[in-house]
Amino acid sequence: MDKLSLKNQLCFKLYALSRHITSLYRPILEELDLTYPQYLVLLVLWEKNRISVKELGHHLMLDSGTLTPLLKRMESKDLIHRQRSMLDERVVEVSLKEGGTALKQKALCIPEHFTQSVTIDAQELKQFAATLSRLMDQIPE
């Protein structure tokens, strides 16, 4: 086995897979006028409703330099609201606006669209996701 062969690089396979999966989401997200990163922000907010920018960045594994412009665009689209915390004004909190809440119902079809787009069965997908989670937990931040 050639250690430096592209086909033997796990990092390349994960990179290419990520790009392919994102492209499967793109048509539905375009209908909702969302980018994939905006969709990820909404997924967190649909669970949490209100969260600090720092916590949001932790969940999405994004730094504030990447997250801030993304949140500004979402705020300009009336999906979210950013405000300073009443308890600590150094903390910026993000919450859903009506537009962001309304998109949840429309986005319900997205996971099903993905699973219908691949031929791997649900159990294999679940095992693969668990393996990826274990791998991510092993890599230091």
N, C-alpha and C. Protein backbone atom coordinates (compact mmCIF):
# COMPACT_ATOMS: atom_id res chain seq x y z
N MET A 1 0.84 -1.19 0.00
CA MET A 1 0.00 0.00 0.00
C MET A 1 0.89 1.25 0.00
N ASP A 2 0.64 2.13 -0.92
CA ASP A 2 1.39 3.38 -1.03
C ASP A 2 0.76 4.40 -0.07
N LYS A 3 1.49 4.74 0.98
CA LYS A 3 0.97 5.66 2.00
C LYS A 3 0.63 7.04 1.45
N LEU A 4 1.27 7.44 0.38
CA LEU A 4 1.03 8.77 -0.16
C LEU A 4 0.13 8.76 -1.41
N SER A 5 -0.51 7.66 -1.67
CA SER A 5 -1.46 7.60 -2.77
C SER A 5 -2.75 8.31 -2.34
N LEU A 6 -3.29 9.15 -3.21
CA LEU A 6 -4.50 9.90 -2.89
C LEU A 6 -5.64 8.97 -2.49
N LYS A 7 -5.81 7.86 -3.20
CA LYS A 7 -6.91 6.95 -2.92
C LYS A 7 -6.79 6.30 -1.54
N ASN A 8 -5.63 6.36 -0.91
CA ASN A 8 -5.44 5.77 0.42
C ASN A 8 -5.54 6.80 1.55
N GLN A 9 -5.88 8.03 1.22
CA GLN A 9 -5.95 9.09 2.22
C GLN A 9 -7.36 9.21 2.79
N LEU A 10 -7.52 8.90 4.05
CA LEU A 10 -8.83 9.03 4.70
C LEU A 10 -9.31 10.47 4.64
N CYS A 11 -8.41 11.42 4.85
CA CYS A 11 -8.79 12.83 4.83
C CYS A 11 -9.40 13.22 3.49
N PHE A 12 -8.86 12.69 2.39
CA PHE A 12 -9.41 13.02 1.08
C PHE A 12 -10.80 12.41 0.91
N LYS A 13 -10.96 11.18 1.36
CA LYS A 13 -12.27 10.53 1.24
C LYS A 13 -13.33 11.29 2.03
N LEU A 14 -12.99 11.74 3.23
CA LEU A 14 -13.93 12.51 4.04
C LEU A 14 -14.22 13.86 3.39
N TYR A 15 -13.20 14.50 2.85
CA TYR A 15 -13.37 15.78 2.18
C TYR A 15 -14.30 15.63 0.97
N ALA A 16 -14.03 14.64 0.13
CA ALA A 16 -14.84 14.43 -1.07
C ALA A 16 -16.27 14.05 -0.68
N LEU A 17 -16.42 13.19 0.32
CA LEU A 17 -17.74 12.79 0.77
C LEU A 17 -18.52 14.00 1.28
N SER A 18 -17.88 14.85 2.04
CA SER A 18 -18.53 16.05 2.56
C SER A 18 -19.03 16.93 1.41
N ARG A 19 -18.21 17.10 0.40
CA ARG A 19 -18.62 17.91 -0.76
C ARG A 19 -19.80 17.28 -1.49
N HIS A 20 -19.78 15.96 -1.64
CA HIS A 20 -20.89 15.26 -2.32
C HIS A 20 -22.19 15.37 -1.52
N ILE A 21 -22.08 15.18 -0.22
CA ILE A 21 -23.27 15.25 0.62
C ILE A 21 -23.85 16.67 0.60
N THR A 22 -23.00 17.65 0.72
CA THR A 22 -23.45 19.04 0.67
C THR A 22 -24.15 19.33 -0.65
N SER A 23 -23.64 18.77 -1.74
CA SER A 23 -24.27 19.00 -3.05
C SER A 23 -25.65 18.34 -3.13
N LEU A 24 -25.88 17.26 -2.38
CA LEU A 24 -27.21 16.65 -2.33
C LEU A 24 -28.21 17.57 -1.64
N TYR A 25 -27.74 18.31 -0.65
CA TYR A 25 -28.60 19.22 0.10
C TYR A 25 -28.90 20.51 -0.67
N ARG A 26 -27.99 20.89 -1.55
CA ARG A 26 -28.05 22.21 -2.20
C ARG A 26 -29.39 22.53 -2.88
N PRO A 27 -29.97 21.65 -3.69
CA PRO A 27 -31.22 22.02 -4.37
C PRO A 27 -32.36 22.36 -3.39
N ILE A 28 -32.50 21.59 -2.35
CA ILE A 28 -33.58 21.87 -1.38
C ILE A 28 -33.27 23.14 -0.60
N LEU A 29 -32.01 23.32 -0.21
CA LEU A 29 -31.64 24.52 0.53
C LEU A 29 -31.82 25.77 -0.32
N GLU A 30 -31.54 25.67 -1.62
CA GLU A 30 -31.75 26.82 -2.51
C GLU A 30 -33.23 27.20 -2.56
N GLU A 31 -34.11 26.20 -2.53
CA GLU A 31 -35.56 26.48 -2.49
C GLU A 31 -35.93 27.26 -1.23
N LEU A 32 -35.20 27.00 -0.15
CA LEU A 32 -35.46 27.67 1.12
C LEU A 32 -34.63 28.95 1.27
N ASP A 33 -33.83 29.28 0.25
CA ASP A 33 -32.94 30.44 0.26
C ASP A 33 -31.95 30.35 1.42
N LEU A 34 -31.38 29.16 1.61
CA LEU A 34 -30.40 28.92 2.66
C LEU A 34 -29.12 28.33 2.08
N THR A 35 -28.01 28.66 2.70
CA THR A 35 -26.77 27.96 2.42
C THR A 35 -26.67 26.80 3.41
N TYR A 36 -25.75 25.89 3.16
CA TYR A 36 -25.59 24.76 4.08
C TYR A 36 -25.18 25.24 5.48
N PRO A 37 -24.21 26.16 5.61
CA PRO A 37 -23.87 26.64 6.96
C PRO A 37 -25.06 27.31 7.67
N GLN A 38 -25.89 28.04 6.93
CA GLN A 38 -27.07 28.65 7.54
C GLN A 38 -28.03 27.57 8.04
N TYR A 39 -28.18 26.51 7.27
CA TYR A 39 -29.01 25.38 7.68
C TYR A 39 -28.49 24.78 8.99
N LEU A 40 -27.18 24.65 9.10
CA LEU A 40 -26.59 24.10 10.33
C LEU A 40 -26.89 24.99 11.53
N VAL A 41 -26.79 26.30 11.35
CA VAL A 41 -27.12 27.24 12.43
C VAL A 41 -28.58 27.04 12.85
N LEU A 42 -29.46 26.94 11.87
CA LEU A 42 -30.88 26.75 12.19
C LEU A 42 -31.12 25.43 12.91
N LEU A 43 -30.41 24.38 12.53
CA LEU A 43 -30.57 23.09 13.22
C LEU A 43 -30.29 23.24 14.72
N VAL A 44 -29.23 23.96 15.03
CA VAL A 44 -28.89 24.18 16.45
C VAL A 44 -29.98 25.02 17.12
N LEU A 45 -30.39 26.08 16.46
CA LEU A 45 -31.39 26.97 17.07
C LEU A 45 -32.76 26.31 17.19
N TRP A 46 -33.11 25.42 16.29
CA TRP A 46 -34.38 24.71 16.42
C TRP A 46 -34.37 23.81 17.66
N GLU A 47 -33.18 23.39 18.06
CA GLU A 47 -33.05 22.59 19.29
C GLU A 47 -32.97 23.48 20.53
N LYS A 48 -32.19 24.55 20.45
CA LYS A 48 -31.86 25.36 21.62
C LYS A 48 -32.70 26.63 21.76
N ASN A 49 -33.20 27.16 20.66
CA ASN A 49 -33.98 28.40 20.60
C ASN A 49 -33.15 29.66 20.88
N ARG A 50 -32.35 29.65 21.94
CA ARG A 50 -31.48 30.79 22.26
C ARG A 50 -30.14 30.21 22.72
N ILE A 51 -29.06 30.79 22.18
CA ILE A 51 -27.74 30.27 22.49
C ILE A 51 -26.72 31.39 22.29
N SER A 52 -25.64 31.34 23.04
CA SER A 52 -24.59 32.34 22.85
C SER A 52 -23.82 32.02 21.56
N VAL A 53 -23.23 33.05 20.98
CA VAL A 53 -22.44 32.86 19.77
C VAL A 53 -21.30 31.89 20.06
N LYS A 54 -20.72 32.00 21.23
CA LYS A 54 -19.61 31.11 21.60
C LYS A 54 -20.07 29.65 21.63
N GLU A 55 -21.22 29.39 22.26
CA GLU A 55 -21.75 28.02 22.32
C GLU A 55 -22.11 27.52 20.92
N LEU A 56 -22.70 28.39 20.12
CA LEU A 56 -23.07 28.03 18.75
C LEU A 56 -21.82 27.63 17.97
N GLY A 57 -20.77 28.41 18.11
CA GLY A 57 -19.50 28.09 17.45
C GLY A 57 -18.96 26.75 17.90
N HIS A 58 -19.11 26.45 19.19
CA HIS A 58 -18.67 25.15 19.71
C HIS A 58 -19.45 24.01 19.07
N HIS A 59 -20.77 24.14 19.00
CA HIS A 59 -21.61 23.11 18.40
C HIS A 59 -21.26 22.88 16.93
N LEU A 60 -21.01 23.97 16.20
CA LEU A 60 -20.76 23.89 14.77
C LEU A 60 -19.28 23.75 14.42
N MET A 61 -18.43 23.82 15.44
CA MET A 61 -16.98 23.74 15.25
C MET A 61 -16.50 24.84 14.31
N LEU A 62 -17.02 26.06 14.54
CA LEU A 62 -16.64 27.23 13.76
C LEU A 62 -16.13 28.33 14.69
N ASP A 63 -15.15 29.08 14.24
CA ASP A 63 -14.66 30.20 15.06
C ASP A 63 -15.53 31.43 14.81
N SER A 64 -15.40 32.41 15.67
CA SER A 64 -16.26 33.60 15.58
C SER A 64 -16.00 34.39 14.29
N GLY A 65 -14.80 34.32 13.75
CA GLY A 65 -14.49 35.01 12.50
C GLY A 65 -15.29 34.45 11.32
N THR A 66 -15.61 33.18 11.38
CA THR A 66 -16.43 32.55 10.35
C THR A 66 -17.91 32.72 10.67
N LEU A 67 -18.23 32.60 11.94
CA LEU A 67 -19.63 32.61 12.37
C LEU A 67 -20.27 34.00 12.30
N THR A 68 -19.55 35.04 12.67
CA THR A 68 -20.14 36.38 12.71
C THR A 68 -20.70 36.85 11.37
N PRO A 69 -19.96 36.76 10.26
CA PRO A 69 -20.55 37.18 8.98
C PRO A 69 -21.75 36.31 8.58
N LEU A 70 -21.70 35.04 8.91
CA LEU A 70 -22.79 34.13 8.63
C LEU A 70 -24.05 34.56 9.39
N LEU A 71 -23.88 34.87 10.65
CA LEU A 71 -25.01 35.31 11.48
C LEU A 71 -25.55 36.66 11.02
N LYS A 72 -24.67 37.55 10.59
CA LYS A 72 -25.12 38.86 10.09
C LYS A 72 -26.00 38.69 8.86
N ARG A 73 -25.60 37.78 7.94
CA ARG A 73 -26.42 37.53 6.75
C ARG A 73 -27.77 36.93 7.14
N MET A 74 -27.76 36.04 8.11
CA MET A 74 -29.02 35.43 8.54
C MET A 74 -29.91 36.45 9.22
N GLU A 75 -29.31 37.37 9.95
CA GLU A 75 -30.08 38.42 10.61
C GLU A 75 -30.70 39.36 9.57
N SER A 76 -29.95 39.66 8.52
CA SER A 76 -30.48 40.54 7.47
C SER A 76 -31.63 39.87 6.70
N LYS A 77 -31.69 38.55 6.75
CA LYS A 77 -32.79 37.80 6.10
C LYS A 77 -33.96 37.58 7.07
N ASP A 78 -33.88 38.17 8.27
CA ASP A 78 -34.93 38.05 9.29
C ASP A 78 -35.14 36.62 9.79
N LEU A 79 -34.06 35.84 9.82
CA LEU A 79 -34.15 34.47 10.33
C LEU A 79 -33.79 34.39 11.81
N ILE A 80 -32.85 35.24 12.21
CA ILE A 80 -32.36 35.21 13.59
C ILE A 80 -32.25 36.63 14.13
N HIS A 81 -32.04 36.69 15.43
CA HIS A 81 -31.81 37.96 16.11
C HIS A 81 -30.58 37.79 16.99
N ARG A 82 -29.68 38.76 16.93
CA ARG A 82 -28.50 38.76 17.81
C ARG A 82 -28.66 39.90 18.80
N GLN A 83 -28.38 39.62 20.06
CA GLN A 83 -28.43 40.69 21.06
C GLN A 83 -27.47 40.37 22.20
N ARG A 84 -27.05 41.41 22.86
CA ARG A 84 -26.18 41.25 24.03
C ARG A 84 -26.98 40.66 25.17
N SER A 85 -26.34 39.81 25.94
CA SER A 85 -26.98 39.18 27.09
C SER A 85 -27.28 40.23 28.15
N MET A 86 -28.42 40.10 28.79
CA MET A 86 -28.79 41.00 29.89
C MET A 86 -27.89 40.75 31.11
N LEU A 87 -27.42 39.50 31.25
CA LEU A 87 -26.59 39.13 32.40
C LEU A 87 -25.13 39.52 32.23
N ASP A 88 -24.65 39.47 30.99
CA ASP A 88 -23.25 39.78 30.72
C ASP A 88 -23.16 40.36 29.31
N GLU A 89 -22.97 41.67 29.22
CA GLU A 89 -23.01 42.32 27.91
C GLU A 89 -21.86 41.93 26.99
N ARG A 90 -20.87 41.21 27.52
CA ARG A 90 -19.79 40.71 26.65
C ARG A 90 -20.27 39.53 25.81
N VAL A 91 -21.37 38.91 26.24
CA VAL A 91 -21.91 37.73 25.57
C VAL A 91 -23.00 38.15 24.57
N VAL A 92 -22.87 37.67 23.34
CA VAL A 92 -23.90 37.90 22.33
C VAL A 92 -24.71 36.61 22.21
N GLU A 93 -26.02 36.77 22.29
CA GLU A 93 -26.92 35.62 22.17
C GLU A 93 -27.63 35.66 20.82
N VAL A 94 -27.92 34.49 20.32
CA VAL A 94 -28.62 34.34 19.05
C VAL A 94 -29.93 33.62 19.33
N SER A 95 -31.00 34.12 18.74
CA SER A 95 -32.30 33.47 18.89
C SER A 95 -33.03 33.50 17.54
N LEU A 96 -34.03 32.66 17.43
CA LEU A 96 -34.81 32.58 16.20
C LEU A 96 -35.79 33.73 16.09
N LYS A 97 -35.97 34.21 14.89
CA LYS A 97 -37.07 35.13 14.60
C LYS A 97 -38.16 34.29 13.93
N GLU A 98 -39.29 34.90 13.68
CA GLU A 98 -40.41 34.17 13.10
C GLU A 98 -40.03 33.47 11.78
N GLY A 99 -39.23 34.16 10.96
CA GLY A 99 -38.81 33.57 9.69
C GLY A 99 -38.00 32.31 9.86
N GLY A 100 -37.11 32.31 10.85
CA GLY A 100 -36.30 31.12 11.13
C GLY A 100 -37.13 29.99 11.70
N THR A 101 -38.09 30.33 12.54
CA THR A 101 -38.97 29.31 13.11
C THR A 101 -39.84 28.69 12.02
N ALA A 102 -40.33 29.53 11.11
CA ALA A 102 -41.21 29.05 10.04
C ALA A 102 -40.50 28.08 9.10
N LEU A 103 -39.20 28.25 8.93
CA LEU A 103 -38.45 27.37 8.02
C LEU A 103 -38.35 25.94 8.54
N LYS A 104 -38.53 25.75 9.84
CA LYS A 104 -38.40 24.40 10.40
C LYS A 104 -39.37 23.43 9.73
N GLN A 105 -40.59 23.85 9.57
CA GLN A 105 -41.60 22.99 8.95
C GLN A 105 -41.21 22.65 7.51
N LYS A 106 -40.71 23.64 6.79
CA LYS A 106 -40.32 23.43 5.40
C LYS A 106 -39.08 22.54 5.28
N ALA A 107 -38.24 22.53 6.32
CA ALA A 107 -36.98 21.78 6.28
C ALA A 107 -37.15 20.32 6.70
N LEU A 108 -38.31 19.95 7.16
CA LEU A 108 -38.53 18.57 7.62
C LEU A 108 -38.21 17.53 6.55
N CYS A 109 -38.34 17.88 5.29
CA CYS A 109 -38.10 16.94 4.19
C CYS A 109 -36.61 16.72 3.90
N ILE A 110 -35.74 17.57 4.43
CA ILE A 110 -34.32 17.52 4.06
C ILE A 110 -33.65 16.21 4.45
N PRO A 111 -33.76 15.75 5.70
CA PRO A 111 -33.11 14.46 6.02
C PRO A 111 -33.63 13.30 5.17
N GLU A 112 -34.93 13.29 4.92
CA GLU A 112 -35.51 12.21 4.10
C GLU A 112 -34.99 12.28 2.67
N HIS A 113 -34.86 13.49 2.14
CA HIS A 113 -34.31 13.67 0.79
C HIS A 113 -32.92 13.06 0.71
N PHE A 114 -32.11 13.30 1.74
CA PHE A 114 -30.76 12.74 1.75
C PHE A 114 -30.80 11.21 1.77
N THR A 115 -31.57 10.63 2.68
CA THR A 115 -31.59 9.17 2.78
C THR A 115 -32.14 8.51 1.52
N GLN A 116 -33.02 9.20 0.81
CA GLN A 116 -33.53 8.67 -0.46
C GLN A 116 -32.51 8.81 -1.59
N SER A 117 -31.55 9.69 -1.41
CA SER A 117 -30.55 9.94 -2.45
C SER A 117 -29.38 8.97 -2.41
N VAL A 118 -29.28 8.21 -1.33
CA VAL A 118 -28.17 7.25 -1.20
C VAL A 118 -28.75 5.84 -1.11
N THR A 119 -27.94 4.86 -1.48
CA THR A 119 -28.43 3.48 -1.49
C THR A 119 -28.05 2.71 -0.24
N ILE A 120 -27.32 3.31 0.64
CA ILE A 120 -26.93 2.65 1.88
C ILE A 120 -28.15 2.59 2.82
N ASP A 121 -28.31 1.49 3.52
CA ASP A 121 -29.50 1.37 4.37
C ASP A 121 -29.36 2.17 5.67
N ALA A 122 -30.49 2.38 6.33
CA ALA A 122 -30.54 3.25 7.51
C ALA A 122 -29.62 2.76 8.63
N GLN A 123 -29.53 1.46 8.83
CA GLN A 123 -28.67 0.91 9.89
C GLN A 123 -27.20 1.19 9.59
N GLU A 124 -26.79 1.01 8.33
CA GLU A 124 -25.40 1.30 7.95
C GLU A 124 -25.09 2.79 8.14
N LEU A 125 -26.04 3.64 7.76
CA LEU A 125 -25.85 5.08 7.95
C LEU A 125 -25.68 5.42 9.42
N LYS A 126 -26.49 4.81 10.26
CA LYS A 126 -26.41 5.06 11.70
C LYS A 126 -25.05 4.61 12.25
N GLN A 127 -24.57 3.45 11.81
CA GLN A 127 -23.26 2.95 12.25
C GLN A 127 -22.14 3.85 11.75
N PHE A 128 -22.26 4.30 10.50
CA PHE A 128 -21.24 5.19 9.94
C PHE A 128 -21.19 6.50 10.72
N ALA A 129 -22.36 7.05 11.04
CA ALA A 129 -22.42 8.29 11.82
C ALA A 129 -21.79 8.09 13.20
N ALA A 130 -22.03 6.94 13.81
CA ALA A 130 -21.43 6.65 15.12
C ALA A 130 -19.92 6.54 15.01
N THR A 131 -19.43 5.92 13.95
CA THR A 131 -17.99 5.80 13.73
C THR A 131 -17.37 7.18 13.53
N LEU A 132 -18.01 8.01 12.74
CA LEU A 132 -17.51 9.38 12.53
C LEU A 132 -17.48 10.16 13.84
N SER A 133 -18.51 10.00 14.66
CA SER A 133 -18.55 10.70 15.96
C SER A 133 -17.39 10.24 16.84
N ARG A 134 -17.14 8.94 16.87
CA ARG A 134 -16.01 8.43 17.68
C ARG A 134 -14.69 8.99 17.16
N LEU A 135 -14.53 9.03 15.84
CA LEU A 135 -13.31 9.57 15.26
C LEU A 135 -13.15 11.05 15.61
N MET A 136 -14.24 11.82 15.50
CA MET A 136 -14.18 13.24 15.84
C MET A 136 -13.82 13.44 17.31
N ASP A 137 -14.34 12.58 18.17
CA ASP A 137 -14.02 12.68 19.60
C ASP A 137 -12.56 12.39 19.90
N GLN A 138 -11.91 11.64 19.03
CA GLN A 138 -10.50 11.26 19.24
C GLN A 138 -9.51 12.31 18.76
N ILE A 139 -10.00 13.22 17.94
CA ILE A 139 -9.10 14.24 17.37
C ILE A 139 -9.13 15.48 18.26
N PRO A 140 -7.98 15.87 18.78
CA PRO A 140 -7.97 17.06 19.66
C PRO A 140 -8.33 18.32 18.89
N GLU A 141 -8.99 19.24 19.58
CA GLU A 141 -9.38 20.51 18.95
C GLU A 141 -8.23 21.45 18.84
